[in-house]
């Protein structure tokens, strides 16, 4: 694992109460960076507000830029993902609440640099 990844995950588990911030699942969770590790600063890489604790499906879709979230935490589904979203149980009503305002700039980066509209 990457240096600091265990610490980052522990912070996310505390922040999100050990649950997926979208589904509420408590197993098979991934510590997912919003602004990817490769382009984040050292501080951003370990900032828990630059991360979500996600179930595997939401993590993969988010990481691949097939979903993102708006500034209010509502899901935005890529046109690439849209035809399969229902079959994959990616819900158009999915939402992250509460979304901390510190997370918003990271999400803006994700929407403009990772998300595939």
Protein backbone atom coordinates (compact mmCIF):
# COMPACT_ATOMS: atom_id res chain seq x y z
CA UNK A 1 0.00 0.00 0.00
CA UNK A 2 0.94 3.62 -0.38
CA UNK A 3 2.61 5.45 2.49
CA UNK A 4 -0.13 6.98 4.61
CA UNK A 5 -2.93 4.91 3.05
CA UNK A 6 -3.72 3.08 6.31
CA UNK A 7 -3.94 6.40 8.14
CA UNK A 8 -6.13 7.85 5.39
CA UNK A 9 -8.48 4.87 5.58
CA UNK A 10 -8.70 5.07 9.38
CA UNK A 11 -9.61 8.77 9.13
CA UNK A 12 -12.32 7.97 6.57
CA UNK A 13 -13.71 5.19 8.74
CA UNK A 14 -14.02 7.64 11.64
CA UNK A 15 -15.46 10.39 9.44
CA UNK A 16 -18.10 8.13 7.87
CA UNK A 17 -18.78 5.92 10.91
CA UNK A 18 -17.43 2.83 9.18
CA UNK A 19 -20.15 2.95 6.51
CA UNK A 20 -20.26 3.61 2.79
CA UNK A 21 -21.16 7.27 2.50
CA UNK A 22 -23.64 6.44 -0.30
CA UNK A 23 -25.19 3.07 0.54
CA UNK A 24 -24.56 2.69 4.25
CA UNK A 25 -22.90 -0.71 3.69
CA UNK A 26 -20.40 -1.75 6.35
CA UNK A 27 -18.34 -4.41 4.51
CA UNK A 28 -16.05 -4.50 1.46
CA UNK A 29 -15.44 -0.76 1.70
CA UNK A 30 -12.79 1.15 -0.23
CA UNK A 31 -11.02 4.31 0.90
CA UNK A 32 -11.39 6.39 -2.25
CA UNK A 33 -9.64 9.65 -3.03
CA UNK A 34 -11.75 12.35 -4.67
CA UNK A 35 -8.77 14.21 -6.13
CA UNK A 36 -6.64 11.26 -7.27
CA UNK A 37 -3.44 10.37 -5.42
CA UNK A 38 -1.34 10.88 -8.57
CA UNK A 39 -2.23 14.57 -8.86
CA UNK A 40 -2.83 15.44 -5.19
CA UNK A 41 -0.32 17.21 -2.97
CA UNK A 42 1.07 15.38 0.05
CA UNK A 43 -1.41 17.24 2.29
CA UNK A 44 -4.36 16.44 -0.02
CA UNK A 45 -3.40 12.75 -0.15
CA UNK A 46 -3.93 12.39 3.60
CA UNK A 47 -6.84 14.84 3.99
CA UNK A 48 -9.95 12.82 4.93
CA UNK A 49 -12.10 15.49 3.26
CA UNK A 50 -10.46 14.41 -0.02
CA UNK A 51 -11.99 10.99 0.34
CA UNK A 52 -15.07 8.87 0.54
CA UNK A 53 -15.60 5.46 2.10
CA UNK A 54 -17.40 3.63 -0.72
CA UNK A 55 -18.80 0.22 -1.50
CA UNK A 56 -16.85 -1.49 -4.33
CA UNK A 57 -19.29 -0.68 -7.13
CA UNK A 58 -19.61 3.00 -6.27
CA UNK A 59 -15.84 3.19 -5.71
CA UNK A 60 -15.06 1.74 -9.15
CA UNK A 61 -17.61 3.94 -10.92
CA UNK A 62 -16.33 7.03 -9.08
CA UNK A 63 -12.68 6.18 -9.73
CA UNK A 64 -13.39 5.60 -13.44
CA UNK A 65 -15.23 8.93 -13.71
CA UNK A 66 -18.57 7.28 -14.47
CA UNK A 67 -20.24 8.95 -11.51
CA UNK A 68 -19.52 12.07 -9.51
CA UNK A 69 -21.40 14.18 -6.99
CA UNK A 70 -22.57 17.78 -7.07
CA UNK A 71 -21.86 20.34 -4.34
CA UNK A 72 -24.94 19.14 -2.42
CA UNK A 73 -23.82 15.50 -2.52
CA UNK A 74 -26.31 14.39 -5.20
CA UNK A 75 -25.04 11.81 -7.67
CA UNK A 76 -24.32 12.77 -11.27
CA UNK A 77 -24.26 9.79 -13.63
CA UNK A 78 -22.17 9.83 -16.78
CA UNK A 79 -23.91 9.28 -20.12
CA UNK A 80 -21.54 6.31 -20.50
CA UNK A 81 -22.86 4.75 -17.26
CA UNK A 82 -26.51 5.76 -17.66
CA UNK A 83 -27.65 2.80 -19.82
CA UNK A 84 -26.30 0.30 -17.25
CA UNK A 85 -26.87 2.25 -14.04
CA UNK A 86 -30.14 0.53 -13.11
CA UNK A 87 -28.78 -2.97 -13.73
CA UNK A 88 -25.74 -2.13 -11.58
CA UNK A 89 -27.90 -0.60 -8.82
CA UNK A 90 -26.34 2.83 -9.27
CA UNK A 91 -29.33 4.83 -8.10
CA UNK A 92 -30.19 8.23 -9.61
CA UNK A 93 -31.36 9.28 -6.14
CA UNK A 94 -28.05 8.38 -4.47
CA UNK A 95 -26.69 11.11 -2.27
CA UNK A 96 -23.86 11.74 0.16
CA UNK A 97 -25.06 13.43 3.32
CA UNK A 98 -23.78 15.21 5.19
CA UNK A 99 -21.26 16.60 2.73
CA UNK A 100 -18.68 18.77 4.45
CA UNK A 101 -18.03 22.11 2.67
CA UNK A 102 -14.27 21.35 2.79
CA UNK A 103 -14.96 18.50 0.35
CA UNK A 104 -16.53 20.75 -2.30
CA UNK A 105 -13.26 21.93 -3.97
CA UNK A 106 -12.14 18.30 -4.27
CA UNK A 107 -15.44 17.40 -5.90
CA UNK A 108 -15.10 20.34 -8.28
CA UNK A 109 -11.73 18.91 -9.35
CA UNK A 110 -13.30 15.46 -9.80
CA UNK A 111 -16.15 16.84 -11.92
CA UNK A 112 -13.83 18.81 -14.20
CA UNK A 113 -10.82 16.47 -14.42
CA UNK A 114 -12.00 12.90 -13.76
CA UNK A 115 -15.73 12.71 -14.58
CA UNK A 116 -16.69 11.66 -18.11
CA UNK A 117 -19.97 13.45 -18.84
